[in-house]
Each structure stands twice: as C-alpha cells, then as structure tokens.
Amino acid sequence: MSKKKSLLILIGILTFMGVSAYLGWHFMEQYETAIMDVYAEQQDQYVQLVLDQINVQKKNTEQQMIQDIIGTLDSGKNQYWTLSDKDTLLFVKNITESNHYRGVSSETFYVTKTANAFFESLSLNRVTHKVIQIEDDVYVASGVAFIFQGSQYKICLLSDETVILDNNKLLSARVVLGIYLLCLLTLMFVMFLVTSTKVVKKEDEIFYLKNRELELHKMMFELQEKLKETNAYSTRWNLYSYRLMDAFVEKLGKRNPERCTFVKLEFNNEKERKDFLMNAQLVLDDKMIRFATDSLDIYLIMMGLDDRTSRVALKRAGNVISRETVIVEHNSSIRTLGESYAEFKEVLHEQ
C-alpha cells in the first residue's frame, strides 16, 4: 500500500474519532441541559409555593412580611433568593447576609446580558426559568413578578449549576459515561488500526504474489522456449528426412568420430515403424540420428557404437532386426567416415 493511501486512512480514522468525540460531548451537553431543565421545573414549583404564601398575607409591612417568608427558607453558598422592588434590589438571602444589597439597582446585581434579560422578562404571576451567568458563575434561575399592596415586586431563586451537576450520583453517572465513551473511541481506534494493518499486510501479500506470479510466468515462458529450442536440435526427439543424411555425414566427418554405425531398418507397416520410433525416444539416447525415407524404411546413424553394441541397443527398442537390416560399421582407424558411408549407400543400392 502506498504511503499516501496509508496517510488517508489515518486521517480518516482521526477525523472519525474527532467527530465521534464531538458528538459525544454534544450529547453529554444535551444530557446536562435536560437534567438542569428538569431541576428548573422543580425549582419553579418551589418559587410558585413562595408566591402563593405571599399572596395570602394580609398584614405586616410590605418588605418585612416578604422578607420573613423568604427568611424561613433554606439557602446556602450555592443557592439564594433575591427580592426587588421595581428596579431596586431589596436584599439577597445567602448564609449570613440578608439585606446586604438593600438599595442597590438590579442592573448592578444582574450584571450580565443573560441575567439582566431574564430579570427584565419576568412575567406577572407566571413563574419562568432560564440558565443565566453572573460574573463567572452559571445559575439556574426561576423567577416571577407579583403585585403586593399596590407595589410590584420581583422574586428570584438562583441555584448554582454545581448544585445540580456535582450531585454524587449524577457526577458518578457522568464519569462512567465519559469513561465508556473514551473506551469506545479507543476500542474503535484500535480496531481501525488492526484492520488497516491487516489490509496493508494483505495488499502487500497480494502485491508480492502477483509479482511472483509474473516472475514464474516469465521463467516458465523462457523454459518453454529453451525446451522448444533444445528439442528442435535434439536427435532424440526429431526424425529427419533421408535427403539430409549426406549433409549430416559431411558435418560429422569434420569431427572425425572414432566409431559409428550406419543402419537401415525395414518395417512391414506404419504401426511397427511408429512403435519403434516411440520406443527409441525412451530407451535410446540422443546419439542415434534418425532419418525417414519415402517408404517405411528408417536410416540410422548410431554414434559411438560398433556393430555388436548397435544390435544390442536396437533390441532394447524392440524386435526390429531382420534379414533385410543393413548394418555398416565405421572405424576411423581403418577408413574415413565418408568411405564407410559410401559403402552403406552401395549396399542400399544393391538391395
């Protein structure tokens, strides 16, 4: 596999993991938003209960009565109440401070855009909620506007998101979900790596086998060509015309062979002749040169063999020696190859 293709696969894996991580984070955010929304709806009911208690009051001063009602409620460092008269913040109930912000404008407390927009959007006698930010903290705020003894007030309950999201069970579920998502992404990454590694290895094997196959085909072709070339010149597998015999003898005479035998074999039919040629290819070596005549006769030049050994060799190829068989032996110590061949032709002529 090319480096470019491997790089593309790696980029694809990392992109897939990045998209999966983003989707996991996005779904986690939606999950937290849903949890906060459920909490906000419960918080709205709490604010509605306080509003109902305020509406049933018929005595005491305006501010003191409302503060007493809120004063009976629990609050802490992560959750507190605010009470305002029109645009003036009356007080914030938070641990030991109950009226620290008396006389401060609401814009001073609800300093951010989200907080101020929520405060300004509060409806009369209808509790609403929204996630707001005050300074660096995020809160789930539930609030409502109401009229008491001719004056309009706004009451809000703010809960820090850590109160909701840092709950032990919820936090444990988030951690488990995060670990599960991380393990899932890691497993997918490992699976992608293993799969891509196997694919690369398999492609390399296929590439190697294809090259090997091409090399073997090339070697086989070359061997076949060499075999054809060898067989084309091998006397063991070829049957020459008797008209080429003079040329063979002339060339052999230049090599001056020490011994050879000229033989003429006669056959009664084509089958006998064919059987001999087939047997000769198996039991006789390539030192025997074969020549076909226009009839069923076959001429042989048996190199390196004298009369006796020639007969023994021919018997291995079958019962081919008869009364009509002509055998002329050549011995270089007595005469030349041409003289022996001339004698062979003379005997043939006499027949």
Protein backbone atom coordinates (compact mmCIF):
# COMPACT_ATOMS: atom_id res chain seq x y z
CA MET A 1 0.00 0.00 0.00
CA SER A 2 1.31 3.46 -0.84
CA LYS A 3 2.22 5.94 1.89
CA LYS A 4 -0.41 8.32 0.53
CA LYS A 5 -3.15 5.74 0.93
CA SER A 6 -1.98 4.87 4.47
CA LEU A 7 -1.98 8.57 5.37
CA LEU A 8 -5.51 8.99 4.02
CA ILE A 9 -6.70 6.04 6.12
CA LEU A 10 -5.06 7.52 9.24
CA ILE A 11 -6.61 10.92 8.56
CA GLY A 12 -9.98 9.23 8.08
CA ILE A 13 -9.63 7.39 11.41
CA LEU A 14 -8.63 10.55 13.29
CA THR A 15 -11.45 12.50 11.65
CA PHE A 16 -13.96 9.83 12.60
CA MET A 17 -12.69 9.83 16.19
CA GLY A 18 -12.85 13.63 16.31
CA VAL A 19 -16.43 13.67 15.02
CA SER A 20 -17.39 10.89 17.46
CA ALA A 21 -15.79 12.77 20.38
CA TYR A 22 -17.58 15.97 19.38
CA LEU A 23 -20.92 14.16 19.11
CA GLY A 24 -20.29 12.51 22.48
CA TRP A 25 -19.53 15.89 24.06
CA HIS A 26 -22.58 17.42 22.36
CA PHE A 27 -24.87 14.65 23.61
CA MET A 28 -23.37 15.00 27.10
CA GLU A 29 -24.15 18.72 26.99
CA GLN A 30 -27.72 17.95 25.93
CA TYR A 31 -27.98 15.42 28.76
CA GLU A 32 -26.79 18.01 31.29
CA THR A 33 -29.15 20.60 29.81
CA ALA A 34 -32.04 18.16 30.18
CA ILE A 35 -31.08 17.49 33.81
CA MET A 36 -30.90 21.21 34.52
CA ASP A 37 -34.26 21.75 32.81
CA VAL A 38 -35.88 19.09 35.00
CA TYR A 39 -34.34 20.71 38.07
CA ALA A 40 -35.54 24.14 36.91
CA GLU A 41 -39.12 22.93 36.62
CA GLN A 42 -38.99 21.64 40.21
CA GLN A 43 -37.43 24.94 41.28
CA ASP A 44 -40.30 26.79 39.55
CA GLN A 45 -42.76 24.92 41.75
CA TYR A 46 -40.82 25.99 44.81
CA VAL A 47 -40.99 29.65 43.72
CA GLN A 48 -44.71 29.24 42.98
CA LEU A 49 -45.22 27.94 46.53
CA VAL A 50 -43.50 31.02 47.96
CA LEU A 51 -45.62 33.27 45.74
CA ASP A 52 -48.79 31.57 46.98
CA GLN A 53 -47.73 32.15 50.59
CA ILE A 54 -47.06 35.83 49.89
CA ASN A 55 -50.44 36.30 48.21
CA VAL A 56 -52.37 35.01 51.23
CA GLN A 57 -50.75 37.50 53.62
CA LYS A 58 -52.96 40.44 54.74
CA LYS A 59 -50.84 42.18 57.35
CA ASN A 60 -47.37 43.46 58.29
CA THR A 61 -45.32 45.90 56.32
CA GLU A 62 -44.62 45.16 52.70
CA GLN A 63 -40.93 44.43 52.76
CA GLN A 64 -40.72 42.90 56.22
CA MET A 65 -43.54 40.45 55.52
CA ILE A 66 -41.96 39.18 52.32
CA GLN A 67 -38.51 39.01 53.90
CA ASP A 68 -39.89 36.98 56.81
CA ILE A 69 -41.40 34.46 54.38
CA ILE A 70 -38.15 34.11 52.47
CA GLY A 71 -36.18 34.12 55.71
CA THR A 72 -37.84 30.87 56.74
CA LEU A 73 -36.48 29.15 53.62
CA ASP A 74 -33.19 27.32 53.34
CA SER A 75 -30.35 28.73 51.26
CA GLY A 76 -26.62 28.31 51.07
CA LYS A 77 -23.50 29.38 49.31
CA ASN A 78 -24.73 27.78 46.06
CA GLN A 79 -28.39 28.76 46.28
CA TYR A 80 -30.03 32.02 47.30
CA TRP A 81 -33.04 34.31 46.86
CA THR A 82 -33.26 37.86 45.52
CA LEU A 83 -36.10 40.31 46.09
CA SER A 84 -36.51 43.57 44.21
CA ASP A 85 -38.93 46.47 44.18
CA LYS A 86 -39.16 47.68 40.59
CA ASP A 87 -35.52 48.34 39.60
CA THR A 88 -34.15 48.36 43.17
CA LEU A 89 -32.75 45.20 44.72
CA LEU A 90 -34.08 44.90 48.29
CA PHE A 91 -31.92 42.06 49.58
CA VAL A 92 -30.17 38.76 48.86
CA LYS A 93 -30.62 35.88 51.31
CA ASN A 94 -27.35 33.97 51.33
CA ILE A 95 -25.90 32.43 54.51
CA THR A 96 -25.39 35.32 56.98
CA GLU A 97 -26.19 38.21 54.63
CA SER A 98 -29.88 39.02 54.40
CA ASN A 99 -30.05 42.67 53.36
CA HIS A 100 -26.52 43.47 52.20
CA TYR A 101 -27.76 44.69 48.78
CA ARG A 102 -30.59 46.88 50.02
CA GLY A 103 -30.91 49.92 47.81
CA VAL A 104 -28.65 48.60 45.01
CA SER A 105 -30.07 48.65 41.47
CA SER A 106 -30.95 45.34 39.82
CA GLU A 107 -28.57 46.12 36.94
CA THR A 108 -25.69 46.11 39.44
CA PHE A 109 -26.53 42.59 40.62
CA TYR A 110 -27.74 41.11 37.33
CA VAL A 111 -24.71 42.50 35.57
CA THR A 112 -24.50 40.14 32.57
CA LYS A 113 -26.71 40.26 29.49
CA THR A 114 -28.29 36.85 30.11
CA ALA A 115 -29.06 37.67 33.76
CA ASN A 116 -30.44 41.14 33.02
CA ALA A 117 -32.51 39.87 30.08
CA PHE A 118 -34.04 37.18 32.29
CA PHE A 119 -34.79 39.68 35.06
CA GLU A 120 -36.47 42.06 32.62
CA SER A 121 -38.53 39.27 31.05
CA LEU A 122 -40.20 38.08 34.26
CA SER A 123 -43.97 37.77 33.84
CA LEU A 124 -46.64 38.74 36.33
CA ASN A 125 -47.77 35.76 38.44
CA ARG A 126 -46.22 33.28 35.99
CA VAL A 127 -43.03 31.56 37.13
CA THR A 128 -40.39 31.15 34.44
CA HIS A 129 -36.80 29.86 34.46
CA LYS A 130 -33.60 30.27 32.46
CA VAL A 131 -29.90 29.47 32.67
CA ILE A 132 -28.02 32.72 33.35
CA GLN A 133 -24.49 33.83 34.12
CA ILE A 134 -23.47 36.22 36.89
CA GLU A 135 -19.82 37.15 36.76
CA ASP A 136 -18.06 33.77 36.22
CA ASP A 137 -20.81 31.57 37.69
CA VAL A 138 -23.68 29.86 35.89
CA TYR A 139 -27.06 29.59 37.58
CA VAL A 140 -30.47 28.09 37.00
CA ALA A 141 -32.77 30.99 37.80
CA SER A 142 -36.51 30.79 38.48
CA GLY A 143 -38.42 34.00 38.96
CA VAL A 144 -41.79 35.72 38.91
CA ALA A 145 -43.21 39.23 39.17
CA PHE A 146 -46.14 39.91 41.52
CA ILE A 147 -48.11 42.82 42.95
CA PHE A 148 -48.50 43.18 46.69
CA GLN A 149 -50.45 46.02 48.32
CA GLY A 150 -50.19 48.11 45.14
CA SER A 151 -46.42 47.64 44.55
CA GLN A 152 -44.74 45.36 42.03
CA TYR A 153 -42.01 43.03 43.22
CA LYS A 154 -39.79 40.52 41.54
CA ILE A 155 -38.58 37.42 43.37
CA CYS A 156 -35.92 35.02 42.03
CA LEU A 157 -34.39 31.78 43.22
CA LEU A 158 -30.92 31.09 41.83
CA SER A 159 -29.16 27.73 42.07
CA ASP A 160 -25.52 27.32 41.05
CA GLU A 161 -25.18 24.66 38.37
CA THR A 162 -22.66 22.86 40.58
CA VAL A 163 -25.52 22.08 42.99
CA ILE A 164 -27.16 20.13 40.18
CA LEU A 165 -24.30 18.72 38.17
CA ASP A 166 -21.97 17.94 41.10
CA ASN A 167 -24.51 15.64 42.68
CA ASN A 168 -22.69 12.44 43.63
CA LYS A 169 -24.94 10.09 41.66
CA LEU A 170 -25.11 12.38 38.64
CA LEU A 171 -21.37 13.03 38.77
CA SER A 172 -20.73 9.30 39.01
CA ALA A 173 -23.01 8.69 36.01
CA ARG A 174 -21.18 11.38 34.02
CA VAL A 175 -17.81 9.87 34.87
CA VAL A 176 -18.98 6.39 33.90
CA LEU A 177 -20.48 7.70 30.67
CA GLY A 178 -17.29 9.61 29.87
CA ILE A 179 -15.13 6.55 30.56
CA TYR A 180 -17.45 4.42 28.46
CA LEU A 181 -17.24 6.90 25.57
CA LEU A 182 -13.44 7.10 25.90
CA CYS A 183 -13.12 3.30 25.97
CA LEU A 184 -15.46 3.02 22.98
CA LEU A 185 -13.41 5.53 20.96
CA THR A 186 -10.17 3.81 21.98
CA LEU A 187 -11.58 0.42 21.01
CA MET A 188 -12.73 1.77 17.65
CA PHE A 189 -9.31 3.35 17.08
CA VAL A 190 -7.55 0.08 17.91
CA MET A 191 -9.95 -1.86 15.68
CA PHE A 192 -9.33 0.58 12.83
CA LEU A 193 -5.57 0.26 13.31
CA VAL A 194 -5.69 -3.54 13.44
CA THR A 195 -7.99 -3.69 10.42
CA SER A 196 -5.92 -1.23 8.40
CA THR A 197 -2.74 -3.12 9.38
CA LYS A 198 -4.26 -6.39 8.18
CA VAL A 199 -5.44 -4.73 4.98
CA VAL A 200 -1.97 -3.29 4.37
CA LYS A 201 -0.38 -6.68 5.07
CA LYS A 202 -2.86 -8.47 2.83
CA GLU A 203 -2.34 -5.97 0.00
CA ASP A 204 1.42 -6.39 0.35
CA GLU A 205 1.00 -10.17 0.16
CA ILE A 206 -1.22 -9.85 -2.91
CA PHE A 207 1.29 -7.46 -4.49
CA TYR A 208 4.11 -9.90 -3.75
CA LEU A 209 2.15 -12.88 -5.07
CA LYS A 210 1.25 -11.03 -8.26
CA ASN A 211 4.88 -10.12 -8.84
CA ARG A 212 5.90 -13.67 -8.03
CA GLU A 213 3.29 -14.99 -10.43
CA LEU A 214 4.59 -12.71 -13.16
CA GLU A 215 8.14 -13.87 -12.49
CA LEU A 216 7.08 -17.53 -12.59
CA HIS A 217 5.19 -16.97 -15.84
CA LYS A 218 8.25 -15.31 -17.29
CA MET A 219 10.52 -18.14 -16.12
CA MET A 220 8.08 -20.74 -17.46
CA PHE A 221 7.91 -18.99 -20.80
CA GLU A 222 11.71 -18.84 -21.00
CA LEU A 223 11.99 -22.52 -20.06
CA GLN A 224 9.41 -23.47 -22.65
CA GLU A 225 11.28 -21.51 -25.28
CA LYS A 226 14.56 -23.13 -24.28
CA LEU A 227 12.92 -26.54 -24.29
CA LYS A 228 11.50 -25.92 -27.74
CA GLU A 229 14.90 -24.78 -28.93
CA THR A 230 16.57 -27.81 -27.36
CA ASN A 231 14.03 -30.22 -28.79
CA ALA A 232 14.34 -28.61 -32.18
CA TYR A 233 18.02 -29.61 -32.28
CA SER A 234 17.84 -32.83 -30.27
CA THR A 235 18.24 -36.01 -32.32
CA ARG A 236 16.28 -37.88 -29.69
CA TRP A 237 13.05 -36.13 -30.49
CA ASN A 238 13.47 -35.44 -34.19
CA LEU A 239 13.04 -37.51 -37.34
CA TYR A 240 14.91 -36.00 -40.29
CA SER A 241 14.43 -36.61 -43.97
CA TYR A 242 16.93 -39.06 -45.55
CA ARG A 243 17.77 -36.32 -48.04
CA LEU A 244 19.62 -34.53 -45.21
CA MET A 245 21.73 -37.57 -44.44
CA ASP A 246 24.56 -36.53 -46.80
CA ALA A 247 24.81 -33.14 -45.08
CA PHE A 248 24.89 -34.79 -41.62
CA VAL A 249 27.64 -37.19 -42.69
CA GLU A 250 29.65 -34.29 -44.13
CA LYS A 251 29.47 -32.36 -40.86
CA LEU A 252 30.16 -35.45 -38.76
CA GLY A 253 33.18 -36.21 -40.96
CA LYS A 254 34.75 -32.92 -39.91
CA ARG A 255 34.54 -34.08 -36.29
CA ASN A 256 36.12 -37.39 -37.30
CA PRO A 257 34.18 -39.71 -34.94
CA GLU A 258 36.12 -42.78 -33.81
CA ARG A 259 33.23 -45.20 -34.20
CA CYS A 260 29.69 -45.18 -35.56
CA THR A 261 27.31 -47.48 -37.37
CA PHE A 262 25.05 -46.89 -40.34
CA VAL A 263 21.79 -48.86 -40.11
CA LYS A 264 18.80 -49.41 -42.34
CA LEU A 265 15.62 -50.85 -40.77
CA GLU A 266 12.64 -52.16 -42.73
CA PHE A 267 9.09 -52.29 -41.34
CA ASN A 268 6.08 -54.15 -42.57
CA ASN A 269 3.54 -51.46 -41.67
CA GLU A 270 3.21 -47.97 -40.24
CA LYS A 271 2.33 -49.23 -36.77
CA GLU A 272 5.59 -51.14 -36.40
CA ARG A 273 7.51 -48.13 -37.58
CA LYS A 274 5.66 -45.80 -35.18
CA ASP A 275 6.13 -48.17 -32.22
CA PHE A 276 9.87 -48.32 -32.85
CA LEU A 277 10.22 -44.55 -33.01
CA MET A 278 8.31 -44.15 -29.74
CA ASN A 279 10.39 -46.84 -28.00
CA ALA A 280 13.61 -45.36 -29.37
CA GLN A 281 12.79 -41.99 -27.77
CA LEU A 282 12.60 -43.73 -24.39
CA VAL A 283 15.37 -46.34 -24.42
CA LEU A 284 17.91 -44.86 -26.83
CA ASP A 285 19.92 -41.72 -26.22
CA ASP A 286 20.39 -38.71 -28.45
CA LYS A 287 23.49 -40.22 -30.09
CA MET A 288 21.20 -42.02 -32.51
CA ILE A 289 20.22 -39.85 -35.51
CA ARG A 290 17.02 -40.93 -37.31
CA PHE A 291 16.13 -40.39 -40.97
CA ALA A 292 12.77 -41.17 -42.58
CA THR A 293 12.55 -42.40 -46.18
CA ASP A 294 9.70 -42.16 -48.65
CA SER A 295 8.84 -45.76 -47.77
CA LEU A 296 8.52 -47.38 -44.34
CA ASP A 297 12.31 -47.72 -44.03
CA ILE A 298 14.33 -45.80 -41.47
CA TYR A 299 18.03 -44.95 -41.68
CA LEU A 300 20.08 -44.55 -38.51
CA ILE A 301 23.49 -43.17 -37.67
CA MET A 302 24.39 -44.60 -34.24
CA MET A 303 27.29 -42.55 -32.90
CA GLY A 304 29.96 -44.24 -30.75
CA LEU A 305 28.61 -47.75 -31.32
CA ASP A 306 30.10 -50.65 -33.26
CA ASP A 307 28.17 -53.45 -34.97
CA ARG A 308 27.63 -55.54 -31.85
CA THR A 309 26.62 -52.75 -29.49
CA SER A 310 24.35 -51.30 -32.16
CA ARG A 311 22.43 -54.55 -32.38
CA VAL A 312 22.11 -54.72 -28.59
CA ALA A 313 20.79 -51.16 -28.48
CA LEU A 314 18.27 -51.82 -31.25
CA LYS A 315 16.92 -54.88 -29.43
CA ARG A 316 16.09 -52.68 -26.46
CA ALA A 317 13.82 -50.71 -28.74
CA GLY A 318 12.02 -53.82 -29.98
CA ASN A 319 12.38 -56.78 -32.31
CA VAL A 320 13.38 -54.67 -35.29
CA ILE A 321 16.43 -56.54 -36.70
CA SER A 322 15.56 -58.79 -39.64
CA ARG A 323 17.25 -60.33 -42.66
CA GLU A 324 16.75 -57.09 -44.57
CA THR A 325 18.51 -54.99 -41.93
CA VAL A 326 21.68 -53.33 -43.21
CA ILE A 327 24.46 -52.52 -40.74
CA VAL A 328 27.74 -50.91 -41.82
CA GLU A 329 30.28 -50.24 -39.11
CA HIS A 330 32.72 -47.32 -39.26
CA ASN A 331 36.13 -47.41 -37.61
CA SER A 332 38.26 -44.32 -38.02
CA SER A 333 41.47 -46.37 -37.68
CA ILE A 334 40.59 -48.27 -40.84
CA ARG A 335 38.86 -45.73 -43.10
CA THR A 336 37.21 -42.36 -43.20
CA LEU A 337 33.59 -41.68 -42.35
CA GLY A 338 32.91 -40.82 -45.97
CA GLU A 339 34.22 -44.19 -47.13
CA SER A 340 32.05 -46.04 -44.61
CA TYR A 341 29.02 -44.02 -45.69
CA ALA A 342 29.76 -44.75 -49.34
CA GLU A 343 29.79 -48.47 -48.55
CA PHE A 344 26.43 -48.11 -46.78
CA LYS A 345 24.91 -46.39 -49.78
CA GLU A 346 26.35 -49.00 -52.09
CA VAL A 347 24.73 -51.81 -50.09
CA LEU A 348 21.44 -49.96 -50.21
CA HIS A 349 21.74 -49.58 -53.93
CA GLU A 350 22.42 -53.23 -54.36
CA GLN A 351 19.24 -54.04 -52.47
